[in-house]
Protein backbone atom coordinates (compact mmCIF):
# COMPACT_ATOMS: atom_id res chain seq x y z
CA MET A 1 47.07 -7.15 50.26
CA ARG A 2 44.02 -7.17 47.99
CA ARG A 3 44.20 -5.02 44.93
CA GLY A 4 41.41 -2.48 44.60
CA SER A 5 39.90 -0.54 41.75
CA ALA A 6 39.89 3.23 41.37
CA LEU A 7 36.54 3.19 43.18
CA GLY A 8 38.07 1.47 46.20
CA LEU A 9 36.31 -1.82 45.44
CA PRO A 10 38.15 -5.10 45.03
CA VAL A 11 38.63 -5.78 41.32
CA ALA A 12 36.43 -8.91 41.53
CA ALA A 13 33.59 -6.88 43.06
CA LEU A 14 33.90 -4.24 40.35
CA LEU A 15 33.83 -6.90 37.63
CA ALA A 16 30.70 -8.39 39.23
CA LEU A 17 29.00 -4.97 39.15
CA VAL A 18 29.90 -4.49 35.48
CA ALA A 19 28.57 -7.96 34.64
CA ALA A 20 25.32 -7.28 36.52
CA ALA A 21 24.88 -3.95 34.71
CA SER A 22 25.50 -5.49 31.29
CA ALA A 23 23.14 -8.40 32.11
CA ALA A 24 20.44 -5.87 33.04
CA ASP A 25 21.04 -3.99 29.76
CA GLU A 26 20.90 -7.27 27.86
CA THR A 27 17.64 -8.25 29.55
CA GLU A 28 16.10 -4.86 28.72
CA LEU A 29 17.05 -5.42 25.06
CA TRP A 30 15.28 -8.80 25.19
CA TRP A 31 12.11 -7.29 26.70
CA LYS A 32 12.12 -4.63 23.97
CA ALA A 33 12.36 -7.36 21.32
CA ALA A 34 9.50 -9.26 22.99
CA ARG A 35 7.30 -6.14 22.88
CA GLU A 36 8.14 -5.60 19.21
CA LYS A 37 7.34 -9.25 18.35
CA ALA A 38 4.13 -9.31 20.42
CA GLY A 39 1.42 -11.32 18.68
CA ARG A 40 3.79 -12.71 16.04
CA TYR A 41 4.91 -15.81 17.96
CA PRO A 42 3.17 -18.11 20.43
CA ILE A 43 4.10 -17.51 24.05
CA ARG A 44 4.61 -20.92 25.66
CA THR A 45 5.06 -20.46 29.37
CA ARG A 46 2.98 -20.96 32.46
CA LEU A 47 5.17 -18.49 34.39
CA LEU A 48 3.04 -15.35 34.10
CA ASP A 49 2.71 -12.18 36.17
CA ALA A 50 -0.57 -10.80 37.55
CA ALA A 51 -1.33 -9.18 34.17
CA GLN A 52 -0.85 -12.57 32.44
CA ARG A 53 2.44 -11.50 30.82
CA PRO A 54 5.54 -13.73 30.81
CA ARG A 55 7.77 -13.22 33.87
CA HIS A 56 10.97 -14.18 32.03
CA VAL A 57 12.70 -13.51 28.74
CA ASN A 58 16.05 -14.65 27.35
CA ALA A 59 18.23 -14.19 24.26
CA LEU A 60 16.14 -16.61 22.19
CA ILE A 61 13.60 -13.82 21.72
CA LEU A 62 16.04 -12.42 19.13
CA GLU A 63 15.84 -15.60 17.01
CA ARG A 64 13.52 -16.54 14.11
CA SER A 65 13.34 -20.29 14.67
CA PRO A 66 9.88 -21.35 15.92
CA TYR A 67 11.56 -23.89 18.22
CA LEU A 68 13.89 -21.35 19.79
CA LEU A 69 11.05 -18.82 20.20
CA GLN A 70 9.09 -21.49 22.11
CA HIS A 71 11.80 -21.20 24.79
CA ALA A 72 12.17 -17.39 24.77
CA HIS A 73 10.20 -17.06 28.00
CA ASP A 74 11.82 -19.89 29.95
CA PRO A 75 13.54 -18.74 33.17
CA ILE A 76 16.77 -20.30 31.87
CA ARG A 77 19.06 -17.71 30.30
CA TRP A 78 19.17 -19.60 27.02
CA ARG A 79 21.43 -18.48 24.21
CA ALA A 80 21.43 -19.67 20.62
CA TRP A 81 24.29 -21.80 19.28
CA SER A 82 26.97 -19.45 17.95
CA ASP A 83 30.70 -18.83 17.99
CA GLU A 84 30.04 -15.87 20.30
CA THR A 85 28.16 -18.03 22.81
CA LEU A 86 30.93 -20.63 22.83
CA ALA A 87 33.51 -17.83 23.27
CA THR A 88 31.53 -16.59 26.29
CA ALA A 89 31.70 -20.06 27.85
CA ARG A 90 35.47 -20.18 27.26
CA ARG A 91 36.00 -16.65 28.59
CA GLU A 92 33.94 -17.36 31.72
CA ASN A 93 35.39 -20.89 32.02
CA ARG A 94 31.90 -22.32 32.50
CA LEU A 95 30.48 -25.63 31.35
CA VAL A 96 27.96 -25.57 28.51
CA PHE A 97 24.52 -27.13 28.87
CA LEU A 98 23.39 -27.88 25.31
CA SER A 99 19.82 -28.89 24.55
CA ILE A 100 18.89 -29.89 20.99
CA GLY A 101 15.31 -30.33 19.83
CA TYR A 102 12.72 -29.19 17.30
CA SER A 103 9.32 -27.53 17.34
CA SER A 104 7.09 -30.55 16.66
CA CYS A 105 8.84 -32.95 19.05
CA HIS A 106 6.41 -34.20 21.72
CA TRP A 107 9.12 -35.03 24.27
CA CYS A 108 10.76 -31.63 23.74
CA HIS A 109 7.49 -30.02 24.85
CA VAL A 110 7.27 -32.35 27.85
CA MET A 111 10.81 -31.48 28.91
CA ALA A 112 10.06 -27.77 28.45
CA ARG A 113 7.09 -28.02 30.84
CA GLU A 114 8.71 -30.30 33.40
CA ALA A 115 12.28 -28.94 33.49
CA PHE A 116 12.96 -25.84 31.43
CA GLN A 117 10.07 -23.85 32.95
CA ASP A 118 11.06 -24.87 36.47
CA GLU A 119 12.64 -21.92 38.29
CA ASP A 120 14.73 -24.20 40.55
CA VAL A 121 16.24 -25.91 37.49
CA ALA A 122 16.83 -22.47 35.97
CA ARG A 123 18.67 -21.26 39.09
CA VAL A 124 21.16 -24.13 38.81
CA LEU A 125 21.68 -23.78 35.06
CA ASN A 126 21.93 -19.97 35.21
CA ALA A 127 24.47 -20.08 38.04
CA ASP A 128 26.74 -22.82 36.76
CA PHE A 129 26.39 -23.12 32.97
CA VAL A 130 26.21 -21.25 29.71
CA SER A 131 22.93 -22.74 28.45
CA ILE A 132 22.53 -23.20 24.71
CA LYS A 133 19.33 -24.19 22.95
CA MET A 134 19.77 -25.55 19.40
CA ASP A 135 17.12 -26.17 16.76
CA ARG A 136 18.12 -29.40 15.01
CA GLU A 137 16.50 -28.11 11.83
CA GLU A 138 18.89 -25.15 11.73
CA TYR A 139 22.01 -27.29 12.33
CA PRO A 140 21.33 -30.75 10.91
CA ASP A 141 25.06 -31.48 10.58
CA LEU A 142 25.76 -30.73 14.26
CA ASP A 143 22.60 -32.53 15.31
CA GLU A 144 23.80 -35.65 13.50
CA ARG A 145 27.24 -35.47 15.14
CA PHE A 146 25.79 -35.06 18.64
CA LEU A 147 23.20 -37.81 18.12
CA LYS A 148 25.94 -40.22 17.03
CA ARG A 149 27.72 -39.53 20.30
CA LEU A 150 24.48 -39.97 22.23
CA ALA A 151 23.87 -43.30 20.47
CA PHE A 152 27.38 -44.43 21.39
CA LEU A 153 26.93 -43.39 25.05
CA THR A 154 23.37 -44.56 25.67
CA GLY A 155 22.36 -46.75 22.74
CA SER A 156 19.20 -44.68 22.39
CA PRO A 157 19.50 -41.32 20.62
CA GLY A 158 16.55 -38.99 20.31
CA TRP A 159 15.18 -35.59 21.19
CA PRO A 160 15.42 -33.65 23.24
CA ALA A 161 19.12 -34.37 23.34
CA ASN A 162 20.91 -32.76 26.28
CA PHE A 163 24.65 -32.57 26.82
CA VAL A 164 27.11 -31.07 29.27
CA LEU A 165 30.15 -29.85 27.36
CA THR A 166 33.44 -28.27 28.30
CA PRO A 167 33.96 -24.78 26.91
């Protein structure tokens, strides 16, 4: 027999509703931050609505890093590197997709256009991963550690550096 909630819904269905509600609240907070920051950061997306406004926003809108703000309107539900974000990945038992780059990196901009602004790529990452965007200039120590691993694995480290990590 399946266990139900007080509302008569299976517990899993109730948890899904709560998650959807909190995700909607979170997204509204991000849109509010985007409105408050309007004109103070460059909007770098080709995914615009009929009024030429960005169609997407993510948690990076709350950051100060120019690099992270460049990705604030990607359809990927990016989060900044933090203990809280890593705890979310552990709690949800989801893999982490980590992308490290910096604001003046040519290939980071190419990858943003060709992959991170692609809604099909975003669907996969949003469904299966906790996606983290890291500015190498904010975490030079972590950037160095990850690049050493990339050099060991591929022989050719550089940016953007993308990794799939366990929580």
